[in-house]
Amino acid sequence: EELETNPFMRVDQPALQKATGQTDPVQVLAA
């Protein structure tokens, strides 16, 4: 469930990359 719903575990997903303007997973998490 966390892999499907937790934004901090979805840092490789396009939606999170778009929301943060980042593509590197660590930078997405930081943002």
PDB file of all heavy atoms in Angstrom:
ATOM      1  N   GLU A   1       0.823  -1.210   0.000  1.00  0.00           N
ATOM      2  CA  GLU A   1       0.000   0.000   0.000  1.00  0.00           C
ATOM      3  C   GLU A   1       0.858   1.262   0.000  1.00  0.00           C
ATOM      4  O   GLU A   1       0.530   2.252  -0.676  1.00  0.00           O
ATOM      5  CB  GLU A   1      -0.925   0.001   1.213  1.00  0.00           C
ATOM      6  CG  GLU A   1      -2.071  -0.968   1.127  1.00  0.00           C
ATOM      7  CD  GLU A   1      -3.019  -0.822   2.307  1.00  0.00           C
ATOM      8  OE1 GLU A   1      -3.147   0.293   2.853  1.00  0.00           O
ATOM      9  OE2 GLU A   1      -3.626  -1.833   2.694  1.00  0.00           O
ATOM     10  N   GLU A   2       1.930   1.249   0.761  1.00  0.00           N
ATOM     11  CA  GLU A   2       2.793   2.439   0.804  1.00  0.00           C
ATOM     12  C   GLU A   2       3.459   2.686  -0.547  1.00  0.00           C
ATOM     13  O   GLU A   2       3.609   3.836  -0.974  1.00  0.00           O
ATOM     14  CB  GLU A   2       3.838   2.301   1.920  1.00  0.00           C
ATOM     15  CG  GLU A   2       3.240   2.286   3.314  1.00  0.00           C
ATOM     16  CD  GLU A   2       2.299   3.459   3.555  1.00  0.00           C
ATOM     17  OE1 GLU A   2       2.739   4.617   3.428  1.00  0.00           O
ATOM     18  OE2 GLU A   2       1.109   3.220   3.855  1.00  0.00           O
ATOM     19  N   LEU A   3       3.845   1.630  -1.231  1.00  0.00           N
ATOM     20  CA  LEU A   3       4.441   1.800  -2.552  1.00  0.00           C
ATOM     21  C   LEU A   3       3.434   2.380  -3.550  1.00  0.00           C
ATOM     22  O   LEU A   3       3.822   3.064  -4.503  1.00  0.00           O
ATOM     23  CB  LEU A   3       4.971   0.459  -3.061  1.00  0.00           C
ATOM     24  CG  LEU A   3       6.214  -0.064  -2.332  1.00  0.00           C
ATOM     25  CD1 LEU A   3       6.495  -1.507  -2.733  1.00  0.00           C
ATOM     26  CD2 LEU A   3       7.427   0.807  -2.613  1.00  0.00           C
ATOM     27  N   GLU A   4       2.165   2.146  -3.315  1.00  0.00           N
ATOM     28  CA  GLU A   4       1.130   2.664  -4.207  1.00  0.00           C
ATOM     29  C   GLU A   4       0.677   4.071  -3.842  1.00  0.00           C
ATOM     30  O   GLU A   4       0.153   4.785  -4.703  1.00  0.00           O
ATOM     31  CB  GLU A   4      -0.101   1.740  -4.171  1.00  0.00           C
ATOM     32  CG  GLU A   4       0.102   0.396  -4.824  1.00  0.00           C
ATOM     33  CD  GLU A   4      -1.177  -0.425  -4.805  1.00  0.00           C
ATOM     34  OE1 GLU A   4      -2.054  -0.162  -3.950  1.00  0.00           O
ATOM     35  OE2 GLU A   4      -1.310  -1.315  -5.655  1.00  0.00           O
ATOM     36  N   THR A   5       0.832   4.486  -2.580  1.00  0.00           N
ATOM     37  CA  THR A   5       0.173   5.711  -2.108  1.00  0.00           C
ATOM     38  C   THR A   5       1.071   6.722  -1.417  1.00  0.00           C
ATOM     39  O   THR A   5       0.688   7.885  -1.295  1.00  0.00           O
ATOM     40  CB  THR A   5      -0.954   5.345  -1.123  1.00  0.00           C
ATOM     41  OG1 THR A   5      -0.395   4.647   0.012  1.00  0.00           O
ATOM     42  CG2 THR A   5      -2.011   4.465  -1.789  1.00  0.00           C
ATOM     43  N   ASN A   6       2.223   6.325  -0.948  1.00  0.00           N
ATOM     44  CA  ASN A   6       3.077   7.221  -0.152  1.00  0.00           C
ATOM     45  C   ASN A   6       3.999   8.004  -1.082  1.00  0.00           C
ATOM     46  O   ASN A   6       4.846   7.420  -1.760  1.00  0.00           O
ATOM     47  CB  ASN A   6       3.900   6.377   0.832  1.00  0.00           C
ATOM     48  CG  ASN A   6       4.655   7.222   1.838  1.00  0.00           C
ATOM     49  OD1 ASN A   6       5.144   8.295   1.528  1.00  0.00           O
ATOM     50  ND2 ASN A   6       4.761   6.720   3.056  1.00  0.00           N
ATOM     51  N   PRO A   7       3.874   9.333  -1.122  1.00  0.00           N
ATOM     52  CA  PRO A   7       4.683  10.098  -2.086  1.00  0.00           C
ATOM     53  C   PRO A   7       6.187   9.953  -1.874  1.00  0.00           C
ATOM     54  O   PRO A   7       6.957  10.058  -2.831  1.00  0.00           O
ATOM     55  CB  PRO A   7       4.225  11.544  -1.872  1.00  0.00           C
ATOM     56  CG  PRO A   7       3.589  11.570  -0.525  1.00  0.00           C
ATOM     57  CD  PRO A   7       2.984  10.206  -0.330  1.00  0.00           C
ATOM     58  N   PHE A   8       6.598   9.681  -0.642  1.00  0.00           N
ATOM     59  CA  PHE A   8       8.030   9.545  -0.366  1.00  0.00           C
ATOM     60  C   PHE A   8       8.579   8.203  -0.849  1.00  0.00           C
ATOM     61  O   PHE A   8       9.799   8.028  -0.930  1.00  0.00           O
ATOM     62  CB  PHE A   8       8.289   9.725   1.130  1.00  0.00           C
ATOM     63  CG  PHE A   8       7.929  11.104   1.619  1.00  0.00           C
ATOM     64  CD1 PHE A   8       6.698  11.343   2.203  1.00  0.00           C
ATOM     65  CD2 PHE A   8       8.794  12.164   1.452  1.00  0.00           C
ATOM     66  CE1 PHE A   8       6.346  12.608   2.642  1.00  0.00           C
ATOM     67  CE2 PHE A   8       8.455  13.434   1.880  1.00  0.00           C
ATOM     68  CZ  PHE A   8       7.224  13.661   2.474  1.00  0.00           C
ATOM     69  N   MET A   9       7.695   7.284  -1.204  1.00  0.00           N
ATOM     70  CA  MET A   9       8.110   6.006  -1.776  1.00  0.00           C
ATOM     71  C   MET A   9       7.735   5.910  -3.251  1.00  0.00           C
ATOM     72  O   MET A   9       7.836   4.854  -3.863  1.00  0.00           O
ATOM     73  CB  MET A   9       7.498   4.854  -0.982  1.00  0.00           C
ATOM     74  CG  MET A   9       7.950   4.829   0.465  1.00  0.00           C
ATOM     75  SD  MET A   9       7.357   3.398   1.414  1.00  0.00           S
ATOM     76  CE  MET A   9       8.523   2.135   0.874  1.00  0.00           C
ATOM     77  N   ARG A  10       7.345   7.054  -3.833  1.00  0.00           N
ATOM     78  CA  ARG A  10       6.962   7.105  -5.255  1.00  0.00           C
ATOM     79  C   ARG A  10       7.800   8.156  -5.993  1.00  0.00           C
ATOM     80  O   ARG A  10       7.356   8.769  -6.953  1.00  0.00           O
ATOM     81  CB  ARG A  10       5.470   7.414  -5.356  1.00  0.00           C
ATOM     82  CG  ARG A  10       4.603   6.271  -4.884  1.00  0.00           C
ATOM     83  CD  ARG A  10       3.122   6.604  -4.815  1.00  0.00           C
ATOM     84  NE  ARG A  10       2.608   7.170  -6.054  1.00  0.00           N
ATOM     85  CZ  ARG A  10       2.309   6.464  -7.146  1.00  0.00           C
ATOM     86  NH1 ARG A  10       2.511   5.155  -7.176  1.00  0.00           N
ATOM     87  NH2 ARG A  10       1.822   7.062  -8.214  1.00  0.00           N
ATOM     88  N   VAL A  11       9.038   8.319  -5.526  1.00  0.00           N
ATOM     89  CA  VAL A  11       9.882   9.401  -6.046  1.00  0.00           C
ATOM     90  C   VAL A  11      10.371   9.139  -7.465  1.00  0.00           C
ATOM     91  O   VAL A  11      10.934  10.033  -8.102  1.00  0.00           O
ATOM     92  CB  VAL A  11      11.077   9.658  -5.105  1.00  0.00           C
ATOM     93  CG1 VAL A  11      10.593  10.231  -3.776  1.00  0.00           C
ATOM     94  CG2 VAL A  11      11.871   8.367  -4.855  1.00  0.00           C
ATOM     95  N   ASP A  12      10.120   7.931  -7.965  1.00  0.00           N
ATOM     96  CA  ASP A  12      10.484   7.609  -9.352  1.00  0.00           C
ATOM     97  C   ASP A  12       9.296   7.755 -10.297  1.00  0.00           C
ATOM     98  O   ASP A  12       9.415   7.478 -11.491  1.00  0.00           O
ATOM     99  CB  ASP A  12      11.043   6.194  -9.445  1.00  0.00           C
ATOM    100  CG  ASP A  12      10.053   5.135  -8.967  1.00  0.00           C
ATOM    101  OD1 ASP A  12       9.062   5.494  -8.278  1.00  0.00           O
ATOM    102  OD2 ASP A  12      10.259   3.944  -9.273  1.00  0.00           O
ATOM    103  N   GLN A  13       8.167   8.205  -9.786  1.00  0.00           N
ATOM    104  CA  GLN A  13       6.949   8.275 -10.588  1.00  0.00           C
ATOM    105  C   GLN A  13       6.803   9.644 -11.268  1.00  0.00           C
ATOM    106  O   GLN A  13       7.109  10.682 -10.665  1.00  0.00           O
ATOM    107  CB  GLN A  13       5.731   8.006  -9.713  1.00  0.00           C
ATOM    108  CG  GLN A  13       5.681   6.600  -9.139  1.00  0.00           C
ATOM    109  CD  GLN A  13       5.612   5.550 -10.237  1.00  0.00           C
ATOM    110  OE1 GLN A  13       4.749   5.597 -11.109  1.00  0.00           O
ATOM    111  NE2 GLN A  13       6.554   4.595 -10.203  1.00  0.00           N
ATOM    112  N   PRO A  14       6.309   9.668 -12.501  1.00  0.00           N
ATOM    113  CA  PRO A  14       6.184  10.934 -13.240  1.00  0.00           C
ATOM    114  C   PRO A  14       5.362  11.996 -12.505  1.00  0.00           C
ATOM    115  O   PRO A  14       5.705  13.187 -12.572  1.00  0.00           O
ATOM    116  CB  PRO A  14       5.493  10.508 -14.540  1.00  0.00           C
ATOM    117  CG  PRO A  14       5.906   9.081 -14.737  1.00  0.00           C
ATOM    118  CD  PRO A  14       5.976   8.498 -13.362  1.00  0.00           C
ATOM    119  N   ALA A  15       4.325  11.597 -11.797  1.00  0.00           N
ATOM    120  CA  ALA A  15       3.495  12.589 -11.108  1.00  0.00           C
ATOM    121  C   ALA A  15       4.292  13.347 -10.052  1.00  0.00           C
ATOM    122  O   ALA A  15       4.152  14.578  -9.917  1.00  0.00           O
ATOM    123  CB  ALA A  15       2.294  11.906 -10.452  1.00  0.00           C
ATOM    124  N   LEU A  16       5.130  12.637  -9.329  1.00  0.00           N
ATOM    125  CA  LEU A  16       5.939  13.285  -8.295  1.00  0.00           C
ATOM    126  C   LEU A  16       7.057  14.108  -8.909  1.00  0.00           C
ATOM    127  O   LEU A  16       7.406  15.179  -8.397  1.00  0.00           O
ATOM    128  CB  LEU A  16       6.501  12.234  -7.334  1.00  0.00           C
ATOM    129  CG  LEU A  16       5.604  11.787  -6.174  1.00  0.00           C
ATOM    130  CD1 LEU A  16       5.271  12.956  -5.248  1.00  0.00           C
ATOM    131  CD2 LEU A  16       4.343  11.122  -6.648  1.00  0.00           C
ATOM    132  N   GLN A  17       7.618  13.624  -9.994  1.00  0.00           N
ATOM    133  CA  GLN A  17       8.648  14.392 -10.689  1.00  0.00           C
ATOM    134  C   GLN A  17       8.070  15.683 -11.252  1.00  0.00           C
ATOM    135  O   GLN A  17       8.694  16.745 -11.175  1.00  0.00           O
ATOM    136  CB  GLN A  17       9.268  13.528 -11.788  1.00  0.00           C
ATOM    137  CG  GLN A  17      10.030  12.325 -11.236  1.00  0.00           C
ATOM    138  CD  GLN A  17      10.524  11.382 -12.316  1.00  0.00           C
ATOM    139  OE1 GLN A  17      10.141  11.490 -13.472  1.00  0.00           O
ATOM    140  NE2 GLN A  17      11.384  10.440 -11.924  1.00  0.00           N
ATOM    141  N   LYS A  18       6.860  15.609 -11.767  1.00  0.00           N
ATOM    142  CA  LYS A  18       6.206  16.807 -12.296  1.00  0.00           C
ATOM    143  C   LYS A  18       5.896  17.790 -11.175  1.00  0.00           C
ATOM    144  O   LYS A  18       6.111  19.003 -11.317  1.00  0.00           O
ATOM    145  CB  LYS A  18       4.919  16.416 -13.020  1.00  0.00           C
ATOM    146  CG  LYS A  18       4.177  17.601 -13.636  1.00  0.00           C
ATOM    147  CD  LYS A  18       2.928  17.145 -14.374  1.00  0.00           C
ATOM    148  CE  LYS A  18       2.173  18.342 -14.968  1.00  0.00           C
ATOM    149  NZ  LYS A  18       0.936  17.903 -15.675  1.00  0.00           N
ATOM    150  N   ALA A  19       5.419  17.281 -10.046  1.00  0.00           N
ATOM    151  CA  ALA A  19       5.051  18.151  -8.928  1.00  0.00           C
ATOM    152  C   ALA A  19       6.246  18.886  -8.344  1.00  0.00           C
ATOM    153  O   ALA A  19       6.113  19.999  -7.834  1.00  0.00           O
ATOM    154  CB  ALA A  19       4.359  17.334  -7.840  1.00  0.00           C
ATOM    155  N   THR A  20       7.430  18.270  -8.433  1.00  0.00           N
ATOM    156  CA  THR A  20       8.617  18.860  -7.822  1.00  0.00           C
ATOM    157  C   THR A  20       9.544  19.535  -8.821  1.00  0.00           C
ATOM    158  O   THR A  20      10.422  20.303  -8.420  1.00  0.00           O
ATOM    159  CB  THR A  20       9.424  17.775  -7.088  1.00  0.00           C
ATOM    160  OG1 THR A  20       9.793  16.739  -8.025  1.00  0.00           O
ATOM    161  CG2 THR A  20       8.606  17.161  -5.953  1.00  0.00           C
ATOM    162  N   GLY A  21       9.386  19.230 -10.099  1.00  0.00           N
ATOM    163  CA  GLY A  21      10.309  19.750 -11.096  1.00  0.00           C
ATOM    164  C   GLY A  21      11.671  19.089 -11.044  1.00  0.00           C
ATOM    165  O   GLY A  21      12.650  19.631 -11.564  1.00  0.00           O
ATOM    166  N   GLN A  22      11.737  17.911 -10.417  1.00  0.00           N
ATOM    167  CA  GLN A  22      12.991  17.170 -10.284  1.00  0.00           C
ATOM    168  C   GLN A  22      12.821  15.782 -10.885  1.00  0.00           C
ATOM    169  O   GLN A  22      11.700  15.281 -10.993  1.00  0.00           O
ATOM    170  CB  GLN A  22      13.378  17.036  -8.805  1.00  0.00           C
ATOM    171  CG  GLN A  22      13.524  18.340  -8.052  1.00  0.00           C
ATOM    172  CD  GLN A  22      14.766  19.106  -8.442  1.00  0.00           C
ATOM    173  OE1 GLN A  22      15.741  18.529  -8.943  1.00  0.00           O
ATOM    174  NE2 GLN A  22      14.755  20.419  -8.213  1.00  0.00           N
ATOM    175  N   THR A  23      13.945  15.162 -11.259  1.00  0.00           N
ATOM    176  CA  THR A  23      13.903  13.797 -11.768  1.00  0.00           C
ATOM    177  C   THR A  23      14.751  12.835 -10.942  1.00  0.00           C
ATOM    178  O   THR A  23      14.434  11.645 -10.864  1.00  0.00           O
ATOM    179  CB  THR A  23      14.374  13.730 -13.229  1.00  0.00           C
ATOM    180  OG1 THR A  23      15.683  14.307 -13.329  1.00  0.00           O
ATOM    181  CG2 THR A  23      13.402  14.482 -14.142  1.00  0.00           C
ATOM    182  N   ASP A  24      15.819  13.340 -10.321  1.00  0.00           N
ATOM    183  CA  ASP A  24      16.627  12.485  -9.454  1.00  0.00           C
ATOM    184  C   ASP A  24      15.811  12.114  -8.220  1.00  0.00           C
ATOM    185  O   ASP A  24      15.243  12.989  -7.557  1.00  0.00           O
ATOM    186  CB  ASP A  24      17.900  13.216  -9.029  1.00  0.00           C
ATOM    187  CG  ASP A  24      18.715  12.390  -8.059  1.00  0.00           C
ATOM    188  OD1 ASP A  24      19.388  11.458  -8.516  1.00  0.00           O
ATOM    189  OD2 ASP A  24      18.659  12.676  -6.841  1.00  0.00           O
ATOM    190  N   PRO A  25      15.715  10.822  -7.889  1.00  0.00           N
ATOM    191  CA  PRO A  25      14.857  10.411  -6.778  1.00  0.00           C
ATOM    192  C   PRO A  25      15.156  11.106  -5.450  1.00  0.00           C
ATOM    193  O   PRO A  25      14.232  11.454  -4.708  1.00  0.00           O
ATOM    194  CB  PRO A  25      15.104   8.898  -6.683  1.00  0.00           C
ATOM    195  CG  PRO A  25      15.516   8.494  -8.053  1.00  0.00           C
ATOM    196  CD  PRO A  25      16.297   9.662  -8.594  1.00  0.00           C
ATOM    197  N   VAL A  26      16.433  11.316  -5.153  1.00  0.00           N
ATOM    198  CA  VAL A  26      16.777  11.972  -3.890  1.00  0.00           C
ATOM    199  C   VAL A  26      16.316  13.425  -3.901  1.00  0.00           C
ATOM    200  O   VAL A  26      15.799  13.939  -2.888  1.00  0.00           O
ATOM    201  CB  VAL A  26      18.296  11.877  -3.631  1.00  0.00           C
ATOM    202  CG1 VAL A  26      18.684  12.667  -2.383  1.00  0.00           C
ATOM    203  CG2 VAL A  26      18.721  10.418  -3.488  1.00  0.00           C
ATOM    204  N   GLN A  27      16.466  14.084  -5.027  1.00  0.00           N
ATOM    205  CA  GLN A  27      16.019  15.475  -5.130  1.00  0.00           C
ATOM    206  C   GLN A  27      14.489  15.568  -5.092  1.00  0.00           C
ATOM    207  O   GLN A  27      13.932  16.521  -4.536  1.00  0.00           O
ATOM    208  CB  GLN A  27      16.563  16.110  -6.403  1.00  0.00           C
ATOM    209  CG  GLN A  27      18.080  16.247  -6.423  1.00  0.00           C
ATOM    210  CD  GLN A  27      18.611  17.010  -5.220  1.00  0.00           C
ATOM    211  OE1 GLN A  27      18.075  18.053  -4.863  1.00  0.00           O
ATOM    212  NE2 GLN A  27      19.659  16.481  -4.602  1.00  0.00           N
ATOM    213  N   VAL A  28      13.819  14.578  -5.663  1.00  0.00           N
ATOM    214  CA  VAL A  28      12.358  14.552  -5.575  1.00  0.00           C
ATOM    215  C   VAL A  28      11.941  14.419  -4.110  1.00  0.00           C
ATOM    216  O   VAL A  28      11.072  15.158  -3.620  1.00  0.00           O
ATOM    217  CB  VAL A  28      11.766  13.396  -6.407  1.00  0.00           C
ATOM    218  CG1 VAL A  28      10.266  13.272  -6.158  1.00  0.00           C
ATOM    219  CG2 VAL A  28      12.039  13.609  -7.893  1.00  0.00           C
ATOM    220  N   LEU A  29      12.572  13.480  -3.399  1.00  0.00           N
ATOM    221  CA  LEU A  29      12.233  13.303  -1.984  1.00  0.00           C
ATOM    222  C   LEU A  29      12.503  14.575  -1.191  1.00  0.00           C
ATOM    223  O   LEU A  29      11.673  14.996  -0.363  1.00  0.00           O
ATOM    224  CB  LEU A  29      13.004  12.125  -1.391  1.00  0.00           C
ATOM    225  CG  LEU A  29      12.600  11.735   0.037  1.00  0.00           C
ATOM    226  CD1 LEU A  29      12.730  10.228   0.244  1.00  0.00           C
ATOM    227  CD2 LEU A  29      13.432  12.456   1.098  1.00  0.00           C
ATOM    228  N   ALA A  30      13.647  15.204  -1.439  1.00  0.00           N
ATOM    229  CA  ALA A  30      13.983  16.437  -0.728  1.00  0.00           C
ATOM    230  C   ALA A  30      12.934  17.514  -0.977  1.00  0.00           C
ATOM    231  O   ALA A  30      12.510  18.219  -0.050  1.00  0.00           O
ATOM    232  CB  ALA A  30      15.366  16.931  -1.155  1.00  0.00           C
ATOM    233  N   ALA A  31      12.492  17.630  -2.225  1.00  0.00           N
ATOM    234  CA  ALA A  31      11.505  18.644  -2.567  1.00  0.00           C
ATOM    235  C   ALA A  31      10.151  18.343  -1.930  1.00  0.00           C
ATOM    236  O   ALA A  31       9.480  19.240  -1.404  1.00  0.00           O
ATOM    237  CB  ALA A  31      11.372  18.755  -4.084  1.00  0.00           C
TER     238      ALA A  31
END
